[in-house]
């Protein structure tokens, strides 16, 4: 009779259920991926930023998008309903198109460098951080991220309306996005608070 660790006759404690680690069923303690800290600040399950943020980020994105594109859409709607106004203001459509990148640049670089968040992120209590150390992004970094975003929008438009199939970087480290975390999760000892 075997009353060892994995015996069904053992009464003093139940054995831990087996875990699947890299395709191997194990009963012992191993350092699995869930116990390690993420390498980048603000990743999906980063325990340093415990507050849920997906709904906040989505809502902030919608507010920012309306702030950036709203005036352009409003001008096009007004000009579509009043052709005489379109004749009186021949360059209104051009200025409406130009307003989107201008408003986007101001919100995503100037406002974000001053307050560490866009208007939408401010409304929902989010701030942006650098993924490598959790500090505040510099103005130059925000401009770089904005330019990359503009480039990717242009590639998206070309790929939708053109004959471009595109590829991907295969997860190869383009510095395209900055994580947004809750402001209350940034403590006084945090690199971003300096």
N, C-alpha and C. Protein backbone atom coordinates (compact mmCIF):
# COMPACT_ATOMS: atom_id res chain seq x y z
N UNK A 1 0.84 -1.18 0.00
CA UNK A 1 0.00 0.00 0.00
C UNK A 1 0.89 1.24 0.00
N UNK A 2 0.59 2.14 -0.89
CA UNK A 2 1.39 3.34 -1.05
C UNK A 2 0.59 4.54 -0.58
N UNK A 3 0.97 5.14 0.53
CA UNK A 3 0.30 6.35 1.02
C UNK A 3 1.21 7.56 0.82
N UNK A 4 1.86 7.60 -0.29
CA UNK A 4 2.78 8.69 -0.60
C UNK A 4 2.05 9.97 -0.98
N UNK A 5 2.79 10.89 -1.50
CA UNK A 5 2.29 12.23 -1.80
C UNK A 5 1.13 12.21 -2.78
N UNK A 6 1.16 11.34 -3.77
CA UNK A 6 0.13 11.32 -4.80
C UNK A 6 -0.86 10.18 -4.61
N UNK A 7 -0.91 9.62 -3.45
CA UNK A 7 -1.80 8.49 -3.19
C UNK A 7 -3.24 8.95 -3.01
N UNK A 8 -4.18 8.16 -3.48
CA UNK A 8 -5.59 8.48 -3.30
C UNK A 8 -6.05 8.18 -1.87
N UNK A 9 -5.28 7.39 -1.12
CA UNK A 9 -5.65 7.03 0.25
C UNK A 9 -5.18 8.05 1.27
N UNK A 10 -4.45 9.02 0.88
CA UNK A 10 -3.90 10.01 1.80
C UNK A 10 -5.03 10.90 2.29
N UNK A 11 -5.17 11.06 3.62
CA UNK A 11 -6.31 11.79 4.18
C UNK A 11 -5.93 13.13 4.79
N UNK A 12 -4.67 13.36 5.09
CA UNK A 12 -4.31 14.57 5.82
C UNK A 12 -4.41 15.83 4.96
N UNK A 13 -4.18 15.74 3.69
CA UNK A 13 -4.36 16.90 2.81
C UNK A 13 -4.54 16.41 1.39
N UNK A 14 -5.26 17.20 0.66
CA UNK A 14 -5.48 16.86 -0.74
C UNK A 14 -4.27 17.31 -1.55
N UNK A 15 -3.85 16.49 -2.48
CA UNK A 15 -2.72 16.93 -3.32
C UNK A 15 -3.16 18.06 -4.23
N UNK A 16 -2.20 18.88 -4.57
CA UNK A 16 -2.53 19.98 -5.47
C UNK A 16 -2.85 19.42 -6.85
N UNK A 17 -3.80 20.05 -7.53
CA UNK A 17 -4.14 19.56 -8.87
C UNK A 17 -2.97 19.78 -9.82
N UNK A 18 -2.84 18.93 -10.81
CA UNK A 18 -1.73 19.11 -11.75
C UNK A 18 -1.89 20.39 -12.56
N UNK A 19 -0.76 20.98 -12.90
CA UNK A 19 -0.76 22.17 -13.74
C UNK A 19 -0.07 21.85 -15.05
N UNK A 20 -0.47 22.54 -16.07
CA UNK A 20 0.12 22.33 -17.39
C UNK A 20 1.14 23.44 -17.61
N UNK A 21 2.41 23.09 -17.64
CA UNK A 21 3.48 24.05 -17.87
C UNK A 21 4.24 23.60 -19.10
N UNK A 22 4.18 24.38 -20.15
CA UNK A 22 4.89 24.09 -21.39
C UNK A 22 4.68 22.66 -21.85
N UNK A 23 3.43 22.17 -21.76
CA UNK A 23 3.11 20.85 -22.26
C UNK A 23 3.47 19.71 -21.33
N UNK A 24 3.97 20.01 -20.13
CA UNK A 24 4.34 18.97 -19.19
C UNK A 24 3.39 19.05 -18.00
N UNK A 25 2.78 17.94 -17.65
CA UNK A 25 1.92 17.93 -16.48
C UNK A 25 2.80 17.80 -15.26
N UNK A 26 2.62 18.69 -14.29
CA UNK A 26 3.50 18.70 -13.13
C UNK A 26 2.69 18.86 -11.85
N UNK A 27 3.21 18.31 -10.77
CA UNK A 27 2.56 18.44 -9.47
C UNK A 27 3.36 19.36 -8.55
N UNK A 28 4.59 19.63 -8.89
CA UNK A 28 5.46 20.41 -8.03
C UNK A 28 5.35 21.89 -8.31
N UNK A 29 6.10 22.67 -7.54
CA UNK A 29 6.13 24.11 -7.73
C UNK A 29 7.16 24.45 -8.79
N UNK A 30 6.74 25.19 -9.75
CA UNK A 30 7.65 25.68 -10.78
C UNK A 30 7.45 27.17 -10.90
N UNK A 31 8.46 27.86 -11.39
CA UNK A 31 8.30 29.28 -11.67
C UNK A 31 7.59 29.41 -12.99
N UNK A 32 6.29 29.60 -12.93
CA UNK A 32 5.55 29.76 -14.17
C UNK A 32 5.47 31.23 -14.54
N UNK A 33 4.98 31.50 -15.72
CA UNK A 33 4.95 32.87 -16.25
C UNK A 33 4.06 33.78 -15.42
N UNK A 34 3.04 33.24 -14.75
CA UNK A 34 2.13 34.10 -14.00
C UNK A 34 2.77 34.68 -12.75
N UNK A 35 3.84 34.08 -12.24
CA UNK A 35 4.47 34.58 -11.03
C UNK A 35 5.56 35.61 -11.32
N UNK A 36 5.94 35.78 -12.56
CA UNK A 36 6.99 36.72 -12.91
C UNK A 36 6.39 38.08 -13.24
N UNK A 37 7.15 39.13 -12.91
CA UNK A 37 6.71 40.47 -13.26
C UNK A 37 6.84 40.67 -14.76
N UNK A 38 5.91 41.39 -15.36
CA UNK A 38 6.05 41.69 -16.78
C UNK A 38 7.31 42.52 -17.02
N UNK A 39 7.88 42.38 -18.19
CA UNK A 39 9.10 43.11 -18.48
C UNK A 39 8.82 44.57 -18.81
N UNK A 40 7.62 44.87 -19.26
CA UNK A 40 7.28 46.25 -19.61
C UNK A 40 6.17 46.75 -18.70
N UNK A 41 6.29 48.01 -18.32
CA UNK A 41 5.27 48.63 -17.48
C UNK A 41 3.97 48.78 -18.26
N UNK A 42 2.85 48.51 -17.58
CA UNK A 42 1.54 48.73 -18.17
C UNK A 42 1.05 47.64 -19.08
N UNK A 43 1.74 46.49 -19.14
CA UNK A 43 1.23 45.38 -19.94
C UNK A 43 -0.12 44.94 -19.38
N UNK A 44 -0.82 44.08 -20.12
CA UNK A 44 -2.17 43.69 -19.77
C UNK A 44 -2.39 43.28 -18.32
N UNK A 45 -1.60 42.38 -17.78
CA UNK A 45 -1.82 41.88 -16.42
C UNK A 45 -0.70 42.33 -15.48
N UNK A 46 -0.19 43.52 -15.68
CA UNK A 46 0.89 44.03 -14.85
C UNK A 46 0.38 44.29 -13.44
N UNK A 47 0.91 43.59 -12.42
CA UNK A 47 0.40 43.78 -11.05
C UNK A 47 0.76 45.15 -10.47
N UNK A 48 1.69 45.87 -11.08
CA UNK A 48 2.03 47.20 -10.59
C UNK A 48 0.93 48.21 -10.89
N UNK A 49 0.04 47.88 -11.83
CA UNK A 49 -1.07 48.75 -12.21
C UNK A 49 -2.34 47.90 -12.16
N UNK A 50 -2.88 47.68 -10.96
CA UNK A 50 -3.94 46.68 -10.80
C UNK A 50 -5.32 47.10 -11.30
N UNK A 51 -5.56 48.37 -11.47
CA UNK A 51 -6.91 48.81 -11.84
C UNK A 51 -7.26 48.38 -13.26
N UNK A 52 -8.50 47.93 -13.47
CA UNK A 52 -8.91 47.60 -14.84
C UNK A 52 -8.94 48.86 -15.69
N UNK A 53 -8.51 48.75 -16.95
CA UNK A 53 -8.43 49.96 -17.76
C UNK A 53 -8.95 49.80 -19.17
N UNK A 54 -9.43 48.64 -19.59
CA UNK A 54 -9.87 48.46 -20.97
C UNK A 54 -11.06 49.36 -21.32
N UNK A 55 -12.10 49.38 -20.48
CA UNK A 55 -13.26 50.22 -20.74
C UNK A 55 -12.88 51.70 -20.68
N UNK A 56 -12.04 52.06 -19.72
CA UNK A 56 -11.59 53.45 -19.62
C UNK A 56 -10.82 53.86 -20.88
N UNK A 57 -9.92 52.97 -21.34
CA UNK A 57 -9.13 53.29 -22.52
C UNK A 57 -10.03 53.42 -23.75
N UNK A 58 -10.98 52.51 -23.90
CA UNK A 58 -11.89 52.55 -25.05
C UNK A 58 -12.73 53.83 -25.02
N UNK A 59 -13.23 54.19 -23.86
CA UNK A 59 -14.03 55.41 -23.73
C UNK A 59 -13.17 56.65 -24.00
N UNK A 60 -11.94 56.65 -23.48
CA UNK A 60 -11.04 57.78 -23.72
C UNK A 60 -10.71 57.90 -25.20
N UNK A 61 -10.50 56.77 -25.87
CA UNK A 61 -10.23 56.78 -27.30
C UNK A 61 -11.41 57.38 -28.06
N UNK A 62 -12.63 57.01 -27.69
CA UNK A 62 -13.82 57.54 -28.37
C UNK A 62 -13.93 59.05 -28.18
N UNK A 63 -13.68 59.53 -26.96
CA UNK A 63 -13.73 60.97 -26.71
C UNK A 63 -12.66 61.69 -27.51
N UNK A 64 -11.44 61.17 -27.50
CA UNK A 64 -10.36 61.80 -28.26
C UNK A 64 -10.65 61.79 -29.76
N UNK A 65 -11.18 60.69 -30.25
CA UNK A 65 -11.49 60.60 -31.68
C UNK A 65 -12.56 61.62 -32.06
N UNK A 66 -13.58 61.77 -31.22
CA UNK A 66 -14.61 62.78 -31.50
C UNK A 66 -14.04 64.19 -31.42
N UNK A 67 -13.12 64.41 -30.50
CA UNK A 67 -12.48 65.72 -30.39
C UNK A 67 -11.63 66.03 -31.62
N UNK A 68 -10.93 65.02 -32.14
CA UNK A 68 -10.07 65.22 -33.31
C UNK A 68 -10.87 65.31 -34.60
N UNK A 69 -11.81 64.40 -34.79
CA UNK A 69 -12.54 64.31 -36.06
C UNK A 69 -13.88 65.02 -36.04
N UNK A 70 -14.40 65.34 -34.88
CA UNK A 70 -15.72 65.95 -34.76
C UNK A 70 -15.90 67.23 -35.55
N UNK A 71 -14.98 68.20 -35.43
CA UNK A 71 -15.14 69.43 -36.21
C UNK A 71 -15.14 69.18 -37.72
N UNK A 72 -14.29 68.28 -38.18
CA UNK A 72 -14.26 67.96 -39.61
C UNK A 72 -15.58 67.34 -40.05
N UNK A 73 -16.09 66.41 -39.28
CA UNK A 73 -17.36 65.76 -39.62
C UNK A 73 -18.48 66.79 -39.62
N UNK A 74 -18.49 67.69 -38.63
CA UNK A 74 -19.53 68.72 -38.55
C UNK A 74 -19.50 69.63 -39.77
N UNK A 75 -18.32 70.04 -40.20
CA UNK A 75 -18.21 70.90 -41.39
C UNK A 75 -18.74 70.18 -42.62
N UNK A 76 -18.37 68.92 -42.80
CA UNK A 76 -18.85 68.17 -43.96
C UNK A 76 -20.36 67.98 -43.93
N UNK A 77 -20.93 67.75 -42.76
CA UNK A 77 -22.39 67.59 -42.66
C UNK A 77 -23.09 68.90 -42.98
N UNK A 78 -22.60 70.01 -42.44
CA UNK A 78 -23.22 71.32 -42.71
C UNK A 78 -23.11 71.66 -44.19
N UNK A 79 -21.95 71.44 -44.79
CA UNK A 79 -21.78 71.75 -46.21
C UNK A 79 -22.62 70.83 -47.10
N UNK A 80 -22.85 69.61 -46.67
CA UNK A 80 -23.68 68.70 -47.46
C UNK A 80 -25.14 69.11 -47.44
N UNK A 81 -25.58 69.71 -46.35
CA UNK A 81 -26.99 70.12 -46.24
C UNK A 81 -27.24 71.52 -46.79
N UNK A 82 -26.20 72.30 -47.00
CA UNK A 82 -26.37 73.66 -47.51
C UNK A 82 -25.37 73.91 -48.64
N UNK A 83 -25.74 73.57 -49.89
CA UNK A 83 -24.81 73.75 -51.02
C UNK A 83 -24.42 75.21 -51.27
N UNK A 84 -25.29 76.15 -50.93
CA UNK A 84 -24.94 77.57 -51.13
C UNK A 84 -23.79 77.97 -50.21
N UNK A 85 -23.79 77.43 -49.01
CA UNK A 85 -22.70 77.72 -48.08
C UNK A 85 -21.38 77.12 -48.61
N UNK A 86 -21.46 75.96 -49.23
CA UNK A 86 -20.27 75.34 -49.81
C UNK A 86 -19.70 76.19 -50.94
N UNK A 87 -20.58 76.86 -51.70
CA UNK A 87 -20.11 77.75 -52.77
C UNK A 87 -19.49 79.01 -52.20
N UNK A 88 -20.01 79.50 -51.09
CA UNK A 88 -19.47 80.72 -50.48
C UNK A 88 -18.12 80.46 -49.79
N UNK A 89 -17.94 79.25 -49.32
CA UNK A 89 -16.69 78.88 -48.63
C UNK A 89 -16.01 77.74 -49.37
N UNK A 90 -15.33 78.04 -50.49
CA UNK A 90 -14.78 76.96 -51.30
C UNK A 90 -13.67 76.16 -50.61
N UNK A 91 -12.96 76.77 -49.68
CA UNK A 91 -11.85 76.06 -49.03
C UNK A 91 -12.24 75.45 -47.68
N UNK A 92 -13.52 75.46 -47.37
CA UNK A 92 -13.96 74.94 -46.07
C UNK A 92 -13.64 73.45 -45.92
N UNK A 93 -13.81 72.70 -46.99
CA UNK A 93 -13.52 71.26 -46.92
C UNK A 93 -12.03 71.01 -46.69
N UNK A 94 -11.19 71.79 -47.34
CA UNK A 94 -9.75 71.65 -47.15
C UNK A 94 -9.38 71.93 -45.69
N UNK A 95 -9.89 73.03 -45.13
CA UNK A 95 -9.57 73.37 -43.75
C UNK A 95 -10.17 72.36 -42.78
N UNK A 96 -11.30 71.80 -43.14
CA UNK A 96 -11.89 70.75 -42.30
C UNK A 96 -10.98 69.52 -42.28
N UNK A 97 -10.45 69.15 -43.45
CA UNK A 97 -9.53 68.01 -43.50
C UNK A 97 -8.24 68.28 -42.72
N UNK A 98 -7.75 69.51 -42.80
CA UNK A 98 -6.51 69.87 -42.12
C UNK A 98 -6.72 69.95 -40.60
N UNK A 99 -7.96 70.23 -40.18
CA UNK A 99 -8.22 70.38 -38.74
C UNK A 99 -7.98 69.08 -37.97
N UNK A 100 -8.26 67.94 -38.59
CA UNK A 100 -8.11 66.67 -37.87
C UNK A 100 -6.66 66.45 -37.42
N UNK A 101 -5.67 66.48 -38.33
CA UNK A 101 -4.30 66.25 -37.84
C UNK A 101 -3.80 67.35 -36.89
N UNK A 102 -4.27 68.59 -37.09
CA UNK A 102 -3.83 69.66 -36.19
C UNK A 102 -4.36 69.42 -34.78
N UNK A 103 -5.67 69.16 -34.68
CA UNK A 103 -6.26 68.90 -33.36
C UNK A 103 -5.66 67.64 -32.73
N UNK A 104 -5.42 66.64 -33.54
CA UNK A 104 -4.82 65.41 -33.04
C UNK A 104 -3.41 65.67 -32.51
N UNK A 105 -2.61 66.44 -33.25
CA UNK A 105 -1.25 66.74 -32.82
C UNK A 105 -1.25 67.51 -31.51
N UNK A 106 -2.10 68.53 -31.41
CA UNK A 106 -2.14 69.34 -30.19
C UNK A 106 -2.56 68.48 -28.99
N UNK A 107 -3.59 67.66 -29.17
CA UNK A 107 -4.08 66.84 -28.06
C UNK A 107 -3.09 65.75 -27.67
N UNK A 108 -2.53 65.07 -28.65
CA UNK A 108 -1.70 63.90 -28.35
C UNK A 108 -0.24 64.24 -28.05
N UNK A 109 0.19 65.47 -28.32
CA UNK A 109 1.57 65.83 -27.99
C UNK A 109 1.62 66.96 -26.96
N UNK A 110 1.04 68.12 -27.28
CA UNK A 110 1.14 69.27 -26.38
C UNK A 110 0.38 69.01 -25.08
N UNK A 111 -0.90 68.68 -25.18
CA UNK A 111 -1.71 68.44 -23.98
C UNK A 111 -1.14 67.25 -23.19
N UNK A 112 -0.75 66.20 -23.90
CA UNK A 112 -0.25 65.00 -23.23
C UNK A 112 1.11 65.24 -22.57
N UNK A 113 1.93 66.14 -23.12
CA UNK A 113 3.21 66.42 -22.47
C UNK A 113 3.02 67.27 -21.21
N UNK A 114 1.97 68.10 -21.19
CA UNK A 114 1.71 68.93 -20.02
C UNK A 114 1.00 68.16 -18.90
N UNK A 115 0.01 67.35 -19.26
CA UNK A 115 -0.83 66.68 -18.26
C UNK A 115 -0.66 65.16 -18.23
N UNK A 116 0.24 64.62 -19.05
CA UNK A 116 0.51 63.18 -19.13
C UNK A 116 -0.71 62.39 -19.62
N UNK A 117 -1.63 63.07 -20.25
CA UNK A 117 -2.84 62.41 -20.76
C UNK A 117 -3.50 63.32 -21.79
N UNK A 118 -4.20 62.71 -22.74
CA UNK A 118 -5.02 63.47 -23.67
C UNK A 118 -6.28 63.90 -22.94
N UNK A 119 -7.12 64.69 -23.60
CA UNK A 119 -8.37 65.14 -22.98
C UNK A 119 -9.23 63.94 -22.60
N UNK A 120 -9.34 62.97 -23.49
CA UNK A 120 -10.13 61.78 -23.20
C UNK A 120 -9.57 60.98 -22.02
N UNK A 121 -8.26 60.83 -21.98
CA UNK A 121 -7.65 60.09 -20.87
C UNK A 121 -7.82 60.85 -19.56
N UNK A 122 -7.74 62.18 -19.60
CA UNK A 122 -7.97 62.97 -18.39
C UNK A 122 -9.38 62.75 -17.85
N UNK A 123 -10.37 62.71 -18.74
CA UNK A 123 -11.75 62.52 -18.32
C UNK A 123 -11.97 61.17 -17.64
N UNK A 124 -11.19 60.17 -18.03
CA UNK A 124 -11.38 58.82 -17.50
C UNK A 124 -10.26 58.39 -16.54
N UNK A 125 -9.43 59.34 -16.11
CA UNK A 125 -8.44 59.06 -15.08
C UNK A 125 -7.25 58.23 -15.51
N UNK A 126 -6.87 58.30 -16.78
CA UNK A 126 -5.72 57.55 -17.28
C UNK A 126 -4.54 58.48 -17.53
N UNK A 127 -3.35 57.94 -17.49
CA UNK A 127 -2.14 58.65 -17.88
C UNK A 127 -1.31 57.72 -18.75
N UNK A 128 -0.41 58.28 -19.55
CA UNK A 128 0.48 57.45 -20.37
C UNK A 128 1.83 57.37 -19.69
N UNK A 129 2.48 56.22 -19.86
CA UNK A 129 3.80 56.00 -19.28
C UNK A 129 4.70 55.36 -20.33
N UNK A 130 6.01 55.46 -20.09
CA UNK A 130 6.95 54.75 -20.95
C UNK A 130 6.93 53.28 -20.55
N UNK A 131 6.84 52.36 -21.51
CA UNK A 131 6.77 50.94 -21.14
C UNK A 131 8.06 50.39 -20.56
N UNK A 132 9.20 50.98 -20.88
CA UNK A 132 10.46 50.39 -20.40
C UNK A 132 10.74 50.69 -18.94
N UNK A 133 10.31 51.86 -18.42
CA UNK A 133 10.61 52.16 -17.02
C UNK A 133 9.45 52.76 -16.25
N UNK A 134 8.32 53.00 -16.89
CA UNK A 134 7.16 53.54 -16.20
C UNK A 134 7.18 55.04 -16.01
N UNK A 135 8.19 55.74 -16.54
CA UNK A 135 8.26 57.19 -16.40
C UNK A 135 7.36 57.90 -17.39
N UNK A 136 7.30 59.23 -17.25
CA UNK A 136 6.50 60.02 -18.18
C UNK A 136 7.21 60.10 -19.53
N UNK A 137 6.49 59.99 -20.63
CA UNK A 137 7.13 60.15 -21.94
C UNK A 137 7.51 61.61 -22.19
N UNK A 138 8.61 61.81 -22.89
CA UNK A 138 9.05 63.17 -23.23
C UNK A 138 8.23 63.69 -24.41
N UNK A 139 8.34 65.00 -24.65
CA UNK A 139 7.63 65.60 -25.78
C UNK A 139 8.10 64.98 -27.10
N UNK A 140 9.41 64.76 -27.23
CA UNK A 140 9.93 64.13 -28.44
C UNK A 140 9.38 62.74 -28.66
N UNK A 141 9.25 61.98 -27.59
CA UNK A 141 8.68 60.63 -27.69
C UNK A 141 7.22 60.70 -28.12
N UNK A 142 6.47 61.66 -27.58
CA UNK A 142 5.06 61.82 -27.96
C UNK A 142 4.93 62.20 -29.43
N UNK A 143 5.82 63.08 -29.91
CA UNK A 143 5.81 63.44 -31.33
C UNK A 143 6.12 62.22 -32.18
N UNK A 144 7.09 61.43 -31.76
CA UNK A 144 7.45 60.21 -32.50
C UNK A 144 6.26 59.25 -32.57
N UNK A 145 5.59 59.03 -31.46
CA UNK A 145 4.42 58.14 -31.43
C UNK A 145 3.31 58.70 -32.31
N UNK A 146 3.12 60.03 -32.29
CA UNK A 146 2.08 60.64 -33.13
C UNK A 146 2.41 60.46 -34.61
N UNK A 147 3.67 60.69 -34.98
CA UNK A 147 4.07 60.53 -36.39
C UNK A 147 3.92 59.08 -36.84
N UNK A 148 4.29 58.13 -35.98
CA UNK A 148 4.10 56.72 -36.33
C UNK A 148 2.61 56.40 -36.49
N UNK A 149 1.78 56.97 -35.63
CA UNK A 149 0.33 56.77 -35.76
C UNK A 149 -0.19 57.34 -37.06
N UNK A 150 0.28 58.53 -37.44
CA UNK A 150 -0.12 59.13 -38.71
C UNK A 150 0.33 58.26 -39.88
N UNK A 151 1.56 57.75 -39.81
CA UNK A 151 2.08 56.87 -40.85
C UNK A 151 1.22 55.62 -40.98
N UNK A 152 0.88 55.01 -39.85
CA UNK A 152 0.08 53.78 -39.91
C UNK A 152 -1.34 54.04 -40.41
N UNK A 153 -1.92 55.22 -40.11
CA UNK A 153 -3.23 55.56 -40.68
C UNK A 153 -3.12 55.66 -42.20
N UNK A 154 -2.05 56.29 -42.67
CA UNK A 154 -1.86 56.40 -44.12
C UNK A 154 -1.68 55.02 -44.76
N UNK A 155 -0.91 54.15 -44.12
CA UNK A 155 -0.74 52.79 -44.64
C UNK A 155 -2.07 52.06 -44.64
N UNK A 156 -2.86 52.25 -43.59
CA UNK A 156 -4.17 51.60 -43.52
C UNK A 156 -5.07 52.08 -44.66
N UNK A 157 -5.10 53.37 -44.90
CA UNK A 157 -5.94 53.91 -45.98
C UNK A 157 -5.46 53.39 -47.33
N UNK A 158 -4.15 53.37 -47.54
CA UNK A 158 -3.61 52.86 -48.80
C UNK A 158 -3.93 51.38 -48.95
N UNK A 159 -3.81 50.62 -47.86
CA UNK A 159 -4.08 49.18 -47.97
C UNK A 159 -5.56 48.89 -48.18
N UNK A 160 -6.44 49.74 -47.67
CA UNK A 160 -7.88 49.52 -47.87
C UNK A 160 -8.29 49.92 -49.29
N UNK A 161 -7.87 51.09 -49.72
CA UNK A 161 -8.31 51.60 -51.01
C UNK A 161 -7.34 51.30 -52.14
N UNK A 162 -6.15 50.86 -51.81
CA UNK A 162 -5.17 50.53 -52.84
C UNK A 162 -5.09 49.04 -53.03
N UNK A 163 -4.03 48.62 -53.64
CA UNK A 163 -3.84 47.21 -53.93
C UNK A 163 -2.73 46.64 -53.05
N UNK A 164 -2.50 47.26 -51.91
CA UNK A 164 -1.41 46.87 -51.02
C UNK A 164 -1.92 45.85 -50.01
N UNK A 165 -1.23 44.74 -49.90
CA UNK A 165 -1.65 43.70 -48.96
C UNK A 165 -0.98 43.91 -47.61
N UNK A 166 0.24 44.34 -47.59
CA UNK A 166 0.91 44.65 -46.34
C UNK A 166 1.45 43.43 -45.65
N UNK A 167 2.15 43.67 -44.61
CA UNK A 167 2.76 42.59 -43.86
C UNK A 167 2.57 42.83 -42.39
N UNK A 168 3.58 42.90 -41.71
CA UNK A 168 3.58 43.14 -40.28
C UNK A 168 5.01 43.09 -39.85
N UNK A 169 5.28 43.58 -38.68
CA UNK A 169 6.66 43.55 -38.25
C UNK A 169 6.97 42.27 -37.50
N UNK A 170 6.00 41.36 -37.39
CA UNK A 170 6.25 40.09 -36.72
C UNK A 170 6.58 40.25 -35.25
N UNK A 171 5.99 41.25 -34.62
CA UNK A 171 6.25 41.47 -33.20
C UNK A 171 7.60 42.08 -32.95
N UNK A 172 8.20 42.66 -33.96
CA UNK A 172 9.54 43.19 -33.81
C UNK A 172 9.58 44.62 -33.37
N UNK A 173 9.33 44.93 -32.20
CA UNK A 173 9.58 46.11 -31.42
C UNK A 173 9.45 47.48 -32.04
N UNK A 174 8.48 47.76 -32.90
CA UNK A 174 8.26 49.15 -33.27
C UNK A 174 7.66 49.86 -32.07
N UNK A 175 8.19 51.02 -31.77
CA UNK A 175 7.78 51.74 -30.58
C UNK A 175 6.55 52.57 -30.91
N UNK A 176 5.42 51.92 -31.11
CA UNK A 176 4.24 52.57 -31.66
C UNK A 176 3.26 53.04 -30.61
N UNK A 177 3.10 52.35 -29.52
CA UNK A 177 2.07 52.69 -28.56
C UNK A 177 2.66 52.85 -27.16
N UNK A 178 2.06 53.75 -26.42
CA UNK A 178 2.42 53.94 -25.02
C UNK A 178 1.27 53.41 -24.18
N UNK A 179 1.55 52.63 -23.15
CA UNK A 179 0.46 52.11 -22.33
C UNK A 179 -0.20 53.21 -21.51
N UNK A 180 -1.49 53.09 -21.29
CA UNK A 180 -2.24 54.03 -20.45
C UNK A 180 -2.65 53.29 -19.19
N UNK A 181 -2.32 53.85 -18.03
CA UNK A 181 -2.65 53.24 -16.75
C UNK A 181 -3.42 54.26 -15.91
N UNK A 182 -4.09 53.79 -14.86
CA UNK A 182 -4.85 54.69 -14.00
C UNK A 182 -3.90 55.60 -13.25
N UNK A 183 -4.26 56.86 -13.14
CA UNK A 183 -3.44 57.83 -12.44
C UNK A 183 -3.25 57.43 -10.98
N UNK A 184 -4.28 56.86 -10.35
CA UNK A 184 -4.17 56.50 -8.94
C UNK A 184 -3.19 55.35 -8.70
N UNK A 185 -2.85 54.59 -9.76
CA UNK A 185 -1.89 53.50 -9.62
C UNK A 185 -0.44 53.99 -9.66
N UNK A 186 -0.23 55.25 -9.96
CA UNK A 186 1.11 55.83 -9.97
C UNK A 186 1.39 56.32 -8.55
N UNK A 187 2.27 55.64 -7.83
CA UNK A 187 2.58 56.00 -6.45
C UNK A 187 3.65 57.07 -6.37
N UNK A 188 3.94 57.54 -5.16
CA UNK A 188 4.96 58.57 -4.98
C UNK A 188 6.36 58.04 -5.22
N UNK A 189 6.56 56.72 -5.06
CA UNK A 189 7.88 56.14 -5.30
C UNK A 189 8.04 55.65 -6.73
N UNK A 190 7.08 55.95 -7.56
CA UNK A 190 7.07 55.48 -8.96
C UNK A 190 7.97 56.38 -9.80
N UNK A 191 8.67 55.84 -10.81
CA UNK A 191 9.55 56.67 -11.64
C UNK A 191 8.81 57.79 -12.35
N UNK A 192 7.53 57.62 -12.61
CA UNK A 192 6.78 58.65 -13.33
C UNK A 192 6.44 59.83 -12.43
N UNK A 193 6.51 59.68 -11.12
CA UNK A 193 6.11 60.76 -10.23
C UNK A 193 7.21 61.78 -10.03
N UNK A 194 8.37 61.58 -10.62
CA UNK A 194 9.46 62.53 -10.47
C UNK A 194 9.43 63.57 -11.55
